[in-house]
Amino acid sequence: MVIVGAGECGARAALTLREEGYAGPVTLFGAEPHLPYERPPLSKDTMAGEDEPVLKHVASQERLAEAGIVHLASKEVRLIDRQAKKIVTAEGAVLDYDKLLLAAGSSPRRLALAEASRRCVTLRTFDDALAIRAHLRGGVRVLIVGGGFIGLELAASARKLGCPVTVIEAQPRILMRGVPAEIAGIIHAEHATKGVHFFCGKGITAIEDFAAGVRIQLADGHAVEGDLCVIGIGAVPNVALAEAAGLAIDNGVAVDAHLRTSDQNIFAAGDCCSFPLSLYGGRRVRLEAWRNAQEQGALAAKNMLGAEETHDAVPWFWSDQYDLGLQIAGLSDEGVETVRRDMGADAFILFHLAADGRLVAASGIGQGNSVARDIRLAEMLIAKRAYPPREKLIAPDTKLKALLAA
């Protein structure tokens, strides 16, 4: 068994192969020099923690060794020979496979206007985070292009360290993808209270370095200056290897409900693949989410061993910014009606219903983990394809666990 990509997804797949009883060789290729690690802390604790940042490993060297998993760090797979069932590394080494898993993840979307700037950076790896952290000290002006999760989490970290922060978003508001406007407004207001400046609905016409920093020219004539600029405009799936091998591509490596590609001996999982969700009528989606990487890594491993299990998990996302905790279960854009449950202390959950009344998503926000339990119960209702009464969802005294039992 060969796995390309040693992140959360690839490492989970390798460990699951052993947990499921597979005794043959398992080789895990990683492009980075580190052991497999979790990425969510990079924009939070790694960036603004008081202690020296350390990696949060998915598996230690000892655990990998005990499991008999060969982890090849700083190794790039350049070619897949599907007919011979071999992969070729950048150094020219050749390795046979019976089953191959592509867990190559994604890369930051590039902004052409920023390519010539030495002060514009992206955040994807631990080394990226260390490089950015080295600049984040009081008084350093930080510009962030992109009002998505990564950009806003980084903005919160930079403000905690005393840096002036400006966020530039081309869309009319922040968090346009997947987050309801009502919740995005709460997050925007919290950032503004903490001193973050926003330019929303503003295009960029030029980015240039000058002696004292970097200048961004906006389409409306305004210019914004900073010392460091982080480009956070989304991510693109790493599909070059799969594409060169002739595998089907559709917003990522296209897989079926079993995570199998157009080649029966090759699977793909995590950020790099798109897959059909039966929960939403077979809609093909691609998720960049920590839990999805875990779930699909484990599922791909089982199916590489012949399990033939389908992926039917409810998508789940979360983000922590300042003291606010945001959680979303399901795909909110599947809903045509939204009802709100107020939970006290400014916490609330929005329940998103399909035209026939089925619960298809739930979006919640509040201090810390105040919405976590109810979002988890809502997730279970979504998985059951439940039709909970609207009035019950709205009423704070209605226990969601009771709706689940019903």
Protein backbone atom coordinates (compact mmCIF):
# COMPACT_ATOMS: atom_id res chain seq x y z
CA MET A 1 0.00 0.00 0.00
CA VAL A 2 1.39 3.39 -1.03
CA ILE A 3 0.04 6.71 0.24
CA VAL A 4 1.03 10.04 -1.35
CA GLY A 5 0.58 12.83 1.19
CA ALA A 6 1.58 12.66 4.85
CA GLY A 7 -0.90 15.08 6.35
CA GLU A 8 -3.89 14.35 8.58
CA CYS A 9 -5.61 12.32 5.87
CA GLY A 10 -2.66 10.25 4.69
CA ALA A 11 -1.42 9.49 8.20
CA ARG A 12 -4.90 8.45 9.34
CA ALA A 13 -5.15 6.13 6.33
CA ALA A 14 -1.81 4.51 7.09
CA LEU A 15 -2.71 3.90 10.73
CA THR A 16 -6.15 2.56 9.79
CA LEU A 17 -4.60 0.01 7.43
CA ARG A 18 -2.80 -1.46 10.43
CA GLU A 19 -5.83 -1.19 12.70
CA GLU A 20 -7.83 -3.14 10.12
CA GLY A 21 -5.25 -5.94 10.19
CA TYR A 22 -3.28 -5.30 7.01
CA ALA A 23 0.20 -6.79 7.48
CA GLY A 24 1.87 -5.90 4.18
CA PRO A 25 4.19 -2.94 3.44
CA VAL A 26 2.78 0.57 3.98
CA THR A 27 4.75 3.51 2.57
CA LEU A 28 3.76 7.09 3.35
CA PHE A 29 5.26 9.84 1.19
CA GLY A 30 5.39 13.38 2.59
CA ALA A 31 6.59 16.48 0.77
CA GLU A 32 7.47 18.27 4.04
CA PRO A 33 10.40 17.41 6.32
CA HIS A 34 8.14 16.97 9.36
CA LEU A 35 6.22 14.07 10.79
CA PRO A 36 2.47 14.18 9.98
CA TYR A 37 0.90 17.10 11.86
CA GLU A 38 -2.39 18.95 12.27
CA ARG A 39 -2.89 22.19 10.36
CA PRO A 40 -5.72 23.96 12.27
CA PRO A 41 -3.35 25.31 14.99
CA LEU A 42 -1.17 27.07 12.40
CA SER A 43 -3.36 30.19 12.22
CA LYS A 44 -4.10 30.17 15.94
CA ASP A 45 -1.82 28.75 18.67
CA THR A 46 1.23 28.45 16.42
CA MET A 47 0.83 32.09 15.47
CA ALA A 48 -0.09 33.72 18.77
CA GLY A 49 0.67 31.24 21.54
CA GLU A 50 2.87 32.39 24.38
CA ASP A 51 5.13 29.36 24.21
CA GLU A 52 7.55 28.48 21.44
CA PRO A 53 5.44 26.84 18.72
CA VAL A 54 5.65 23.09 18.34
CA LEU A 55 3.98 20.73 15.93
CA LYS A 56 0.88 18.86 17.03
CA HIS A 57 1.71 15.50 15.51
CA VAL A 58 -0.89 13.12 14.14
CA ALA A 59 1.50 10.27 14.93
CA SER A 60 4.92 10.17 16.55
CA GLN A 61 7.95 8.52 15.01
CA GLU A 62 7.63 5.78 17.62
CA ARG A 63 4.01 5.06 16.72
CA LEU A 64 4.77 4.92 13.01
CA ALA A 65 7.71 2.61 13.67
CA GLU A 66 5.66 0.34 15.94
CA ALA A 67 3.01 0.11 13.21
CA GLY A 68 5.63 -0.72 10.60
CA ILE A 69 4.76 2.34 8.51
CA VAL A 70 7.60 3.68 6.39
CA HIS A 71 7.37 7.48 6.42
CA LEU A 72 9.49 9.09 3.70
CA ALA A 73 9.78 12.81 4.50
CA SER A 74 10.75 15.48 1.95
CA LYS A 75 9.95 13.07 -0.86
CA GLU A 76 7.94 14.02 -3.91
CA VAL A 77 6.19 11.52 -6.14
CA ARG A 78 6.52 12.73 -9.72
CA LEU A 79 4.88 10.00 -11.80
CA ILE A 80 2.24 7.29 -11.59
CA ASP A 81 2.59 4.42 -14.08
CA ARG A 82 -0.91 3.00 -13.88
CA GLN A 83 -0.30 0.15 -16.29
CA ALA A 84 2.74 -1.12 -14.39
CA LYS A 85 1.27 -0.07 -10.99
CA LYS A 86 4.40 1.83 -10.03
CA ILE A 87 5.19 5.30 -8.75
CA VAL A 88 8.38 7.23 -9.49
CA THR A 89 9.88 9.79 -7.10
CA ALA A 90 11.64 13.04 -7.98
CA GLU A 91 14.96 11.25 -7.37
CA GLY A 92 14.02 8.49 -9.82
CA ALA A 93 13.26 5.80 -7.26
CA VAL A 94 10.57 3.32 -8.35
CA LEU A 95 8.08 1.64 -6.02
CA ASP A 96 5.38 -0.92 -6.82
CA TYR A 97 1.87 -0.63 -5.40
CA ASP A 98 -1.17 -2.86 -5.15
CA LYS A 99 -3.39 0.03 -4.06
CA LEU A 100 -2.48 3.70 -4.15
CA LEU A 101 -4.03 6.53 -2.13
CA LEU A 102 -3.69 10.15 -3.20
CA ALA A 103 -3.98 12.38 -0.12
CA ALA A 104 -2.02 15.28 -1.58
CA GLY A 105 -4.07 18.04 0.02
CA SER A 106 -4.34 21.53 -1.41
CA SER A 107 -2.19 24.61 -1.94
CA PRO A 108 -2.91 28.31 -1.35
CA ARG A 109 -4.55 29.97 -4.31
CA ARG A 110 -2.09 32.36 -5.90
CA LEU A 111 -2.76 36.02 -6.62
CA ALA A 112 -0.94 37.06 -9.78
CA LEU A 113 -0.63 40.70 -8.67
CA ALA A 114 1.32 39.57 -5.59
CA GLU A 115 3.82 37.28 -7.28
CA ALA A 116 6.52 39.94 -7.62
CA SER A 117 6.25 41.13 -4.03
CA ARG A 118 8.74 39.90 -1.43
CA ARG A 119 6.41 41.05 1.36
CA CYS A 120 3.42 38.95 0.28
CA VAL A 121 3.22 35.45 1.76
CA THR A 122 0.77 32.57 2.14
CA LEU A 123 0.00 30.25 5.04
CA ARG A 124 -0.23 26.51 4.51
CA THR A 125 2.66 24.77 6.29
CA PHE A 126 4.29 24.89 9.72
CA ASP A 127 7.31 26.58 8.15
CA ASP A 128 5.02 29.22 6.64
CA ALA A 129 3.55 29.83 10.09
CA LEU A 130 6.98 30.21 11.70
CA ALA A 131 8.03 32.71 9.04
CA ILE A 132 4.89 34.81 9.54
CA ARG A 133 5.07 34.60 13.33
CA ALA A 134 8.62 35.97 13.25
CA HIS A 135 7.19 39.24 11.88
CA LEU A 136 4.16 39.55 14.16
CA ARG A 137 5.12 42.00 16.86
CA GLY A 138 3.47 45.17 18.09
CA GLY A 139 3.44 47.92 15.49
CA VAL A 140 3.97 45.71 12.45
CA ARG A 141 1.18 46.55 10.02
CA VAL A 142 -0.44 43.40 8.64
CA LEU A 143 -2.50 43.36 5.47
CA ILE A 144 -4.66 40.31 4.78
CA VAL A 145 -6.15 39.73 1.36
CA GLY A 146 -9.15 37.46 1.78
CA GLY A 147 -11.90 37.37 4.40
CA GLY A 148 -12.23 33.61 4.74
CA PHE A 149 -11.43 31.40 7.73
CA ILE A 150 -7.65 31.45 7.38
CA GLY A 151 -7.46 35.20 6.87
CA LEU A 152 -9.76 35.99 9.79
CA GLU A 153 -8.12 33.53 12.18
CA LEU A 154 -4.78 35.06 11.29
CA ALA A 155 -6.23 38.55 11.80
CA ALA A 156 -7.36 37.57 15.30
CA SER A 157 -3.90 36.18 16.12
CA ALA A 158 -2.16 39.29 14.81
CA ARG A 159 -4.40 41.57 16.87
CA LYS A 160 -3.66 39.55 20.01
CA LEU A 161 0.00 40.33 19.37
CA GLY A 162 -0.70 44.05 19.00
CA CYS A 163 -0.38 44.35 15.23
CA PRO A 164 -2.55 46.79 13.27
CA VAL A 165 -4.57 44.66 10.82
CA THR A 166 -6.42 45.47 7.62
CA VAL A 167 -8.52 42.88 5.79
CA ILE A 168 -9.31 43.33 2.10
CA GLU A 169 -12.13 41.20 0.68
CA ALA A 170 -13.34 41.36 -2.92
CA GLN A 171 -16.78 39.96 -2.04
CA PRO A 172 -19.50 42.17 -0.48
CA ARG A 173 -18.88 40.62 2.95
CA ILE A 174 -16.53 38.28 4.76
CA LEU A 175 -17.11 34.50 4.88
CA MET A 176 -19.24 34.45 1.76
CA ARG A 177 -18.69 30.71 1.22
CA GLY A 178 -20.76 28.53 3.50
CA VAL A 179 -21.37 30.95 6.40
CA PRO A 180 -24.77 32.68 6.75
CA ALA A 181 -24.69 36.48 6.58
CA GLU A 182 -26.15 36.79 10.08
CA ILE A 183 -23.23 34.90 11.61
CA ALA A 184 -20.65 36.55 9.36
CA GLY A 185 -21.95 39.91 10.64
CA ILE A 186 -21.28 38.88 14.26
CA ILE A 187 -17.73 37.90 13.40
CA HIS A 188 -17.16 41.10 11.41
CA ALA A 189 -18.38 43.19 14.34
CA GLU A 190 -16.12 41.34 16.79
CA HIS A 191 -13.07 41.94 14.61
CA ALA A 192 -13.99 45.60 14.20
CA THR A 193 -14.35 45.94 17.98
CA LYS A 194 -10.87 44.49 18.33
CA GLY A 195 -9.49 47.10 15.91
CA VAL A 196 -9.41 45.28 12.56
CA HIS A 197 -10.12 47.52 9.56
CA PHE A 198 -12.10 46.10 6.65
CA PHE A 199 -12.37 46.91 2.96
CA CYS A 200 -15.15 44.67 1.62
CA GLY A 201 -16.37 44.64 -1.96
CA LYS A 202 -13.06 46.12 -3.07
CA GLY A 203 -11.05 44.86 -6.02
CA ILE A 204 -7.27 45.17 -6.18
CA THR A 205 -5.53 46.74 -9.17
CA ALA A 206 -1.89 46.64 -8.04
CA ILE A 207 0.44 45.38 -5.31
CA GLU A 208 3.93 46.81 -5.06
CA ASP A 209 6.78 46.84 -2.58
CA PHE A 210 8.42 50.08 -1.57
CA ALA A 211 11.20 50.96 0.85
CA ALA A 212 9.01 50.98 3.96
CA GLY A 213 6.62 48.13 3.15
CA VAL A 214 4.00 47.01 0.66
CA ARG A 215 1.23 49.06 -0.95
CA ILE A 216 -2.08 47.69 -2.25
CA GLN A 217 -3.97 49.82 -4.72
CA LEU A 218 -7.74 49.31 -4.59
CA ALA A 219 -10.03 49.66 -7.58
CA ASP A 220 -11.90 52.55 -5.96
CA GLY A 221 -8.72 54.65 -5.78
CA HIS A 222 -7.77 53.97 -2.16
CA ALA A 223 -4.30 52.71 -1.31
CA VAL A 224 -3.50 50.63 1.78
CA GLU A 225 0.01 50.21 3.13
CA GLY A 226 1.50 47.60 5.44
CA ASP A 227 4.72 45.86 6.45
CA LEU A 228 3.54 42.34 5.65
CA CYS A 229 0.77 41.04 3.42
CA VAL A 230 -0.78 37.58 3.76
CA ILE A 231 -2.70 36.27 0.76
CA GLY A 232 -5.60 34.11 1.94
CA ILE A 233 -7.97 33.77 -1.00
CA GLY A 234 -8.69 30.07 -0.75
CA ALA A 235 -6.97 26.88 -1.80
CA VAL A 236 -6.72 24.75 -4.92
CA PRO A 237 -6.55 20.95 -4.86
CA ASN A 238 -3.20 19.36 -5.68
CA VAL A 239 -4.14 17.38 -8.79
CA ALA A 240 -1.05 17.63 -11.02
CA LEU A 241 0.09 14.06 -10.30
CA ALA A 242 -3.39 12.62 -10.86
CA GLU A 243 -3.99 14.69 -13.97
CA ALA A 244 -0.69 13.60 -15.51
CA ALA A 245 -1.71 10.00 -14.85
CA GLY A 246 -4.95 10.51 -16.77
CA LEU A 247 -7.30 10.25 -13.80
CA ALA A 248 -10.65 12.05 -13.97
CA ILE A 249 -10.56 15.57 -12.52
CA ASP A 250 -13.60 17.55 -11.37
CA ASN A 251 -12.79 20.30 -8.85
CA GLY A 252 -10.14 17.94 -7.51
CA VAL A 253 -9.48 14.29 -8.17
CA ALA A 254 -12.93 12.88 -8.95
CA VAL A 255 -13.86 9.88 -6.78
CA ASP A 256 -16.99 7.82 -6.27
CA ALA A 257 -18.81 7.24 -2.99
CA HIS A 258 -16.15 4.68 -2.05
CA LEU A 259 -13.36 7.27 -2.67
CA ARG A 260 -12.16 5.28 -5.69
CA THR A 261 -10.85 7.26 -8.68
CA SER A 262 -11.40 6.41 -12.34
CA ASP A 263 -8.69 3.77 -11.80
CA GLN A 264 -9.97 0.91 -9.59
CA ASN A 265 -6.57 0.56 -7.89
CA ILE A 266 -6.20 4.25 -7.00
CA PHE A 267 -8.13 6.08 -4.28
CA ALA A 268 -8.13 9.75 -3.27
CA ALA A 269 -9.22 11.43 -0.05
CA GLY A 270 -9.17 14.75 1.80
CA ASP A 271 -8.69 18.23 0.37
CA CYS A 272 -7.51 16.99 -3.03
CA CYS A 273 -10.67 15.14 -4.05
CA SER A 274 -14.29 15.82 -4.89
CA PHE A 275 -16.93 13.25 -4.06
CA PRO A 276 -20.72 12.70 -4.23
CA LEU A 277 -22.75 13.22 -1.06
CA SER A 278 -25.85 11.05 -1.00
CA LEU A 279 -27.22 13.22 1.82
CA TYR A 280 -27.63 16.00 -0.74
CA GLY A 281 -28.81 13.99 -3.73
CA GLY A 282 -25.34 13.01 -4.92
CA ARG A 283 -24.12 16.60 -5.12
CA ARG A 284 -20.37 16.58 -5.79
CA VAL A 285 -18.41 18.57 -3.23
CA ARG A 286 -14.82 19.12 -2.15
CA LEU A 287 -14.19 19.85 1.51
CA GLU A 288 -11.18 21.52 3.10
CA ALA A 289 -11.86 20.45 6.65
CA TRP A 290 -9.92 18.75 9.43
CA ARG A 291 -12.56 16.19 10.32
CA ASN A 292 -13.26 15.35 6.70
CA ALA A 293 -9.56 14.56 6.24
CA GLN A 294 -9.69 12.20 9.22
CA GLU A 295 -12.89 10.47 8.15
CA GLN A 296 -11.93 10.04 4.53
CA GLY A 297 -8.43 8.83 5.37
CA ALA A 298 -9.87 6.06 7.52
CA LEU A 299 -12.59 5.20 4.98
CA ALA A 300 -10.16 5.10 2.06
CA ALA A 301 -7.93 2.67 3.96
CA LYS A 302 -10.84 0.32 4.65
CA ASN A 303 -11.94 0.41 1.02
CA MET A 304 -8.38 -0.20 -0.20
CA LEU A 305 -8.75 -3.45 1.75
CA GLY A 306 -12.07 -4.24 0.03
CA ALA A 307 -14.64 -2.96 2.52
CA GLU A 308 -16.74 -1.11 -0.10
CA GLU A 309 -18.11 1.34 2.49
CA THR A 310 -19.64 4.60 1.26
CA HIS A 311 -18.86 8.10 2.47
CA ASP A 312 -22.01 9.57 3.99
CA ALA A 313 -20.70 11.74 6.83
CA VAL A 314 -22.27 15.15 7.47
CA PRO A 315 -19.80 17.94 6.60
CA TRP A 316 -18.64 19.80 9.71
CA PHE A 317 -16.57 22.96 10.05
CA TRP A 318 -15.42 25.10 12.93
CA SER A 319 -13.43 28.25 13.58
CA ASP A 320 -12.26 29.97 16.77
CA GLN A 321 -11.70 33.73 16.62
CA TYR A 322 -11.04 35.69 19.82
CA ASP A 323 -13.54 34.18 22.30
CA LEU A 324 -16.07 33.27 19.60
CA GLY A 325 -16.66 29.71 18.50
CA LEU A 326 -18.33 29.08 15.13
CA GLN A 327 -19.58 25.63 14.12
CA ILE A 328 -21.47 24.52 11.02
CA ALA A 329 -22.91 21.07 10.35
CA GLY A 330 -24.13 20.29 6.85
CA LEU A 331 -24.24 22.56 3.81
CA SER A 332 -26.21 25.70 4.62
CA ASP A 333 -26.72 26.63 0.96
CA GLU A 334 -28.96 23.55 0.62
CA GLY A 335 -31.57 25.28 2.77
CA VAL A 336 -34.37 27.49 1.45
CA GLU A 337 -35.70 28.47 4.89
CA THR A 338 -33.88 29.37 8.10
CA VAL A 339 -35.19 29.41 11.66
CA ARG A 340 -33.28 30.71 14.66
CA ARG A 341 -32.85 29.35 18.19
CA ASP A 342 -31.55 31.83 20.78
CA MET A 343 -29.54 30.13 23.49
CA GLY A 344 -28.71 33.04 25.82
CA ALA A 345 -25.44 34.95 26.30
CA ASP A 346 -25.60 36.03 22.63
CA ALA A 347 -25.30 32.45 21.40
CA PHE A 348 -27.67 31.19 18.72
CA ILE A 349 -28.11 28.49 16.11
CA LEU A 350 -29.61 28.88 12.65
CA PHE A 351 -31.36 25.75 11.38
CA HIS A 352 -31.48 25.47 7.59
CA LEU A 353 -34.45 23.60 6.11
CA ALA A 354 -35.05 22.26 2.62
CA ALA A 355 -38.28 23.07 0.78
CA ASP A 356 -39.92 19.92 2.16
CA GLY A 357 -38.91 20.77 5.75
CA ARG A 358 -35.98 18.40 6.05
CA LEU A 359 -33.12 19.69 8.22
CA VAL A 360 -30.09 20.05 5.95
CA ALA A 361 -27.69 22.21 7.99
CA ALA A 362 -27.18 24.07 11.27
CA SER A 363 -24.93 27.07 11.86
CA GLY A 364 -24.11 28.26 15.36
CA ILE A 365 -22.02 30.90 17.09
CA GLY A 366 -21.35 31.84 20.69
CA GLN A 367 -18.69 32.21 23.34
CA GLY A 368 -16.27 29.31 23.44
CA ASN A 369 -17.98 25.94 22.96
CA SER A 370 -21.45 27.17 23.93
CA VAL A 371 -23.08 25.84 20.73
CA ALA A 372 -20.99 22.68 20.36
CA ARG A 373 -23.37 20.22 22.02
CA ASP A 374 -26.47 21.35 20.12
CA ILE A 375 -24.60 21.49 16.81
CA ARG A 376 -23.53 17.89 17.40
CA LEU A 377 -27.15 16.88 18.03
CA ALA A 378 -28.22 18.83 14.95
CA GLU A 379 -25.59 16.98 12.96
CA MET A 380 -27.15 13.69 14.05
CA LEU A 381 -30.59 14.94 13.02
CA ILE A 382 -29.20 15.91 9.61
CA ALA A 383 -27.66 12.46 9.21
CA LYS A 384 -31.05 10.87 10.01
CA ARG A 385 -32.68 13.05 7.33
CA ALA A 386 -35.04 14.30 10.02
CA TYR A 387 -38.04 16.62 9.62
CA PRO A 388 -38.14 18.37 13.02
CA PRO A 389 -41.06 20.77 13.63
CA ARG A 390 -39.99 24.39 13.12
CA GLU A 391 -41.53 25.51 16.39
CA LYS A 392 -39.52 22.87 18.26
CA LEU A 393 -36.28 24.01 16.67
CA ILE A 394 -36.98 27.62 17.62
CA ALA A 395 -37.99 26.98 21.23
CA PRO A 396 -34.91 27.13 23.53
CA ASP A 397 -36.53 24.78 26.03
CA THR A 398 -36.92 22.01 23.44
CA LYS A 399 -34.19 19.42 23.88
CA LEU A 400 -32.67 18.48 20.54
CA LYS A 401 -31.92 15.08 22.01
CA ALA A 402 -35.65 14.54 22.38
CA LEU A 403 -36.16 15.44 18.70
CA LEU A 404 -33.47 12.94 17.83
CA ALA A 405 -35.19 10.21 19.81
CA ALA A 406 -38.46 11.02 18.10
